[in-house]
Protein backbone atom coordinates (compact mmCIF):
# COMPACT_ATOMS: atom_id res chain seq x y z
CA MET A 1 2.27 28.42 16.44
CA SER A 2 1.85 24.80 16.77
CA GLN A 3 2.98 22.43 14.31
CA ALA A 4 1.46 21.20 11.41
CA PRO A 5 0.39 17.37 11.88
CA GLY A 6 2.49 15.23 9.63
CA GLY A 7 0.75 12.39 7.96
CA LEU A 8 0.59 9.25 6.07
CA LEU A 9 -0.58 8.07 2.23
CA LEU A 10 -1.28 4.66 1.73
CA ILE A 11 -0.89 4.46 -1.89
CA ARG A 12 -1.60 1.27 -4.41
CA HIS A 13 0.39 1.03 -7.37
CA GLY A 14 -0.88 1.57 -11.02
CA GLU A 15 -3.04 -1.03 -12.88
CA SER A 16 -0.69 -3.81 -13.72
CA GLN A 17 -0.48 -7.03 -16.05
CA SER A 18 -1.98 -9.24 -13.43
CA VAL A 19 -4.92 -6.97 -12.58
CA VAL A 20 -6.16 -7.39 -15.78
CA ARG A 21 -6.01 -10.87 -16.42
CA LEU A 22 -8.81 -13.60 -16.40
CA ALA A 23 -9.34 -15.72 -13.70
CA SER A 24 -8.16 -18.57 -16.03
CA GLU A 25 -5.15 -17.09 -17.28
CA THR A 26 -1.90 -17.79 -15.47
CA VAL A 27 -0.08 -15.12 -13.26
CA LEU A 28 3.38 -13.16 -14.07
CA PRO A 29 5.81 -14.02 -11.12
CA ASP A 30 4.81 -11.38 -8.52
CA PRO A 31 8.11 -9.41 -8.57
CA GLU A 32 8.22 -9.40 -12.50
CA ASN A 33 4.46 -7.93 -12.88
CA PRO A 34 4.91 -4.58 -14.72
CA LEU A 35 2.16 -1.64 -14.89
CA THR A 36 0.08 -1.50 -18.10
CA GLU A 37 0.23 1.20 -20.61
CA ARG A 38 -3.08 2.40 -18.37
CA GLY A 39 -1.31 1.90 -15.16
CA ARG A 40 1.50 3.86 -16.34
CA ALA A 41 -0.66 7.06 -17.15
CA GLN A 42 -2.75 6.55 -13.96
CA ALA A 43 0.90 6.92 -11.96
CA GLU A 44 1.59 9.93 -13.89
CA ALA A 45 -1.83 11.44 -13.22
CA LEU A 46 -1.23 10.84 -9.45
CA ALA A 47 1.87 12.26 -9.31
CA GLU A 48 0.69 15.23 -10.64
CA HIS A 49 -2.02 15.46 -8.28
CA LEU A 50 0.10 14.53 -5.22
CA THR A 51 2.82 17.14 -6.17
CA ALA A 52 0.41 20.04 -6.10
CA ARG A 53 -1.00 18.81 -3.00
CA PHE A 54 1.84 17.43 -0.91
CA PRO A 55 4.81 19.20 -2.50
CA ASN A 56 7.25 17.83 0.30
CA LEU A 57 6.36 14.43 0.33
CA THR A 58 8.72 11.45 1.12
CA VAL A 59 8.64 8.43 -0.75
CA ILE A 60 8.92 4.84 0.36
CA GLY A 61 8.12 1.92 -1.78
CA SER A 62 7.91 -1.75 -2.17
CA PRO A 63 10.43 -3.47 -4.00
CA LEU A 64 8.09 -5.23 -6.64
CA LEU A 65 8.25 -3.95 -9.96
CA ARG A 66 4.62 -2.24 -10.13
CA ALA A 67 5.19 -0.37 -6.80
CA ARG A 68 8.56 0.55 -7.88
CA GLU A 69 7.37 2.13 -11.34
CA THR A 70 4.62 3.72 -9.58
CA ALA A 71 6.98 5.36 -6.90
CA ALA A 72 9.57 6.31 -9.23
CA THR A 73 7.22 8.39 -11.29
CA LEU A 74 5.84 10.03 -8.19
CA ALA A 75 9.61 10.59 -7.03
CA ALA A 76 10.65 12.20 -10.13
CA SER A 77 7.40 14.61 -9.95
CA LEU A 78 8.67 15.87 -6.76
CA GLY A 79 12.16 15.95 -7.49
CA VAL A 80 13.24 13.39 -4.59
CA ALA A 81 14.50 9.79 -4.57
CA VAL A 82 12.60 6.65 -3.47
CA THR A 83 13.51 4.49 -0.42
CA ILE A 84 12.75 0.51 -1.04
CA ASP A 85 11.41 -1.19 2.20
CA GLU A 86 11.09 -4.78 1.56
CA ARG A 87 8.45 -5.20 4.39
CA LEU A 88 6.01 -3.33 2.08
CA ALA A 89 5.81 -6.23 -0.51
CA GLU A 90 2.50 -8.22 -0.83
CA ARG A 91 2.36 -11.27 1.00
CA ARG A 92 4.43 -13.86 -0.25
CA LEU A 93 2.61 -16.86 -1.54
CA ASP A 94 4.63 -19.57 -3.63
CA ARG A 95 3.05 -19.43 -6.96
CA PRO A 96 4.18 -22.64 -9.05
CA PRO A 97 4.39 -22.31 -12.78
CA GLY A 98 0.54 -22.38 -14.38
CA THR A 99 -0.90 -20.58 -11.36
CA THR A 100 -3.76 -18.78 -12.47
CA THR A 101 -5.38 -15.41 -10.97
CA GLY A 102 -8.56 -17.92 -9.94
CA ASP A 103 -6.10 -19.94 -8.04
CA CYS A 104 -4.40 -16.72 -6.40
CA ALA A 105 -7.72 -15.88 -5.07
CA MET A 106 -8.49 -19.11 -3.53
CA MET A 107 -5.46 -18.93 -1.86
CA GLN A 108 -6.22 -15.80 -0.30
CA LEU A 109 -9.56 -17.08 0.74
CA MET A 110 -8.09 -20.14 2.46
CA THR A 111 -5.59 -18.00 4.61
CA ALA A 112 -8.05 -15.25 5.67
CA ARG A 113 -10.08 -17.84 7.49
CA ALA A 114 -6.97 -18.59 9.61
CA PRO A 115 -5.02 -15.59 9.38
CA GLU A 116 -2.37 -17.08 11.98
CA ARG A 117 -2.21 -20.73 10.70
CA PRO A 118 1.33 -21.28 9.34
CA LEU A 119 1.14 -22.05 5.64
CA ASP A 120 3.30 -24.38 3.65
CA PHE A 121 2.97 -22.18 0.13
CA GLY A 122 4.17 -18.89 1.86
CA GLU A 123 3.42 -16.13 4.29
CA SER A 124 0.15 -16.20 6.89
CA MET A 125 -1.90 -13.16 7.14
CA ALA A 126 0.05 -13.00 10.43
CA GLU A 127 3.33 -12.76 8.87
CA HIS A 128 2.34 -10.26 6.62
CA ARG A 129 0.98 -8.11 9.12
CA ALA A 130 4.19 -8.39 11.36
CA ARG A 131 6.13 -6.48 8.19
CA ALA A 132 3.48 -4.05 7.90
CA ALA A 133 3.60 -3.38 11.66
CA ALA A 134 7.39 -2.97 11.59
CA THR A 135 7.03 -0.46 9.29
CA LEU A 136 4.41 1.62 10.50
CA ALA A 137 6.39 1.84 14.02
CA GLU A 138 9.20 3.18 12.26
CA ILE A 139 7.39 5.85 10.37
CA THR A 140 5.28 6.76 13.04
CA PRO A 141 7.81 9.21 14.88
CA ARG A 142 8.53 10.83 12.01
CA CYS A 143 5.13 11.44 10.95
CA GLU A 144 4.86 12.90 14.77
CA ARG A 145 7.51 15.76 13.72
CA GLY A 146 5.59 16.69 10.91
CA GLU A 147 6.64 14.59 8.02
CA MET A 148 4.32 13.47 5.34
CA ILE A 149 5.38 9.84 3.80
CA ALA A 150 4.01 8.20 0.93
CA LEU A 151 4.09 4.39 1.18
CA VAL A 152 3.71 2.96 -2.47
CA CYS A 153 2.84 -0.47 -1.86
CA HIS A 154 -0.09 -3.03 -2.67
CA GLY A 155 -3.78 -3.66 -1.62
CA GLY A 156 -3.01 -6.35 1.04
CA THR A 157 -0.29 -4.39 2.58
CA ILE A 158 -2.25 -1.07 2.69
CA GLU A 159 -5.37 -3.33 4.17
CA HIS A 160 -2.82 -4.55 7.49
CA LEU A 161 -1.73 -0.71 7.49
CA LEU A 162 -5.04 0.72 7.77
CA ALA A 163 -6.31 -1.84 10.42
CA LEU A 164 -3.14 -1.27 12.26
CA ALA A 165 -3.70 2.43 12.34
CA LEU A 166 -7.13 2.02 13.63
CA GLY A 167 -6.32 -0.19 16.19
CA LEU A 168 -7.99 -3.12 14.55
CA PRO A 169 -6.77 -6.86 15.90
CA LEU A 170 -5.80 -9.10 13.05
CA ALA A 171 -8.95 -11.00 13.18
CA ALA A 172 -11.00 -7.77 12.14
CA THR A 173 -8.73 -6.63 9.84
CA PRO A 174 -10.94 -7.29 6.82
CA LEU A 175 -13.68 -5.34 8.77
CA ALA A 176 -11.12 -2.65 8.20
CA TYR A 177 -10.29 -3.12 4.39
CA VAL A 178 -11.77 -0.25 2.05
CA ARG A 179 -10.64 -1.27 -1.19
CA CYS A 180 -7.99 0.81 -2.27
CA GLU A 181 -8.43 0.99 -6.16
CA THR A 182 -5.29 1.26 -8.35
CA ALA A 183 -3.32 4.76 -8.10
CA ARG A 184 -5.56 5.77 -5.77
CA TYR A 185 -4.63 6.30 -1.95
CA HIS A 186 -5.97 6.70 1.72
CA LEU A 187 -4.78 9.44 3.96
CA LEU A 188 -4.23 9.72 7.52
CA TYR A 189 -2.82 12.21 10.09
CA ARG A 190 -1.03 11.91 13.03
CA GLU A 191 -2.47 14.23 15.54
CA GLU A 192 -2.27 14.76 19.36
CA ILE A 193 -5.77 14.64 20.68
CA PHE A 194 -4.88 15.36 24.51
CA SER A 195 -1.21 16.17 25.96
CA GLY A 196 1.23 13.65 25.22
CA TRP A 197 -1.64 11.47 23.61
CA ARG A 198 -1.44 10.74 19.85
CA THR A 199 -3.55 9.11 17.29
CA TRP A 200 -4.15 8.53 13.54
CA ARG A 201 -7.18 10.31 11.95
CA LEU A 202 -8.27 8.74 8.69
CA ASP A 203 -9.25 11.71 6.23
CA GLY A 204 -9.88 10.09 3.16
CA VAL A 205 -10.50 6.93 1.43
CA ASN A 206 -9.78 6.07 -2.21
CA LEU A 207 -8.32 9.49 -2.91
CA GLY A 208 -6.85 10.44 -6.12
CA SER A 209 -6.68 12.41 -9.36
CA ARG A 210 -10.02 13.26 -11.04
CA SER A 211 -8.09 12.79 -14.55
CA GLY A 212 -6.67 9.73 -13.50
CA ALA A 213 -8.36 6.44 -14.56
CA GLY A 214 -7.88 4.88 -11.49
């Protein structure tokens, strides 16, 4: 009997305080940005959904608070521990006091136009992608052995992970982007297509609990 394919769930954290702030409002420091009450409810609904569907999940999370809270809710439901992977953090941009959500959007737009250009206010897109690539390379053999792994992280990190799995170059990364809503996930399976040749198969996008408000 052939081994069941392993796979990867790219999970975005639940709704956070910064997600609901207006463009004119200042952002919270990224590591200290917690889930809202709605975000906690989203995380609980997602955990219930995933525990029923994937009871043997391994949970790996970003170190940022909103992702840690989401991952902890999922892990508690599954009865497992969370492994923190620093490489899953959102893109690291310096945000001086007073930076608004509108400012952050402009910073993202500026860097997307020149993804490999070094920045004086944080990571380039290329540097962010390199972190994501290192994590994906590390966990791929585990998925090839049949393990199901949940990566609980952020929209930008998910964008890179999905593009890497689909084999797209950095310049084409925005073309791969399917917006992952809060407390939703993209599902990929690692499958052997021909003898010795394995690839990622995208099985669904923006999946989640029907009862979640994600």
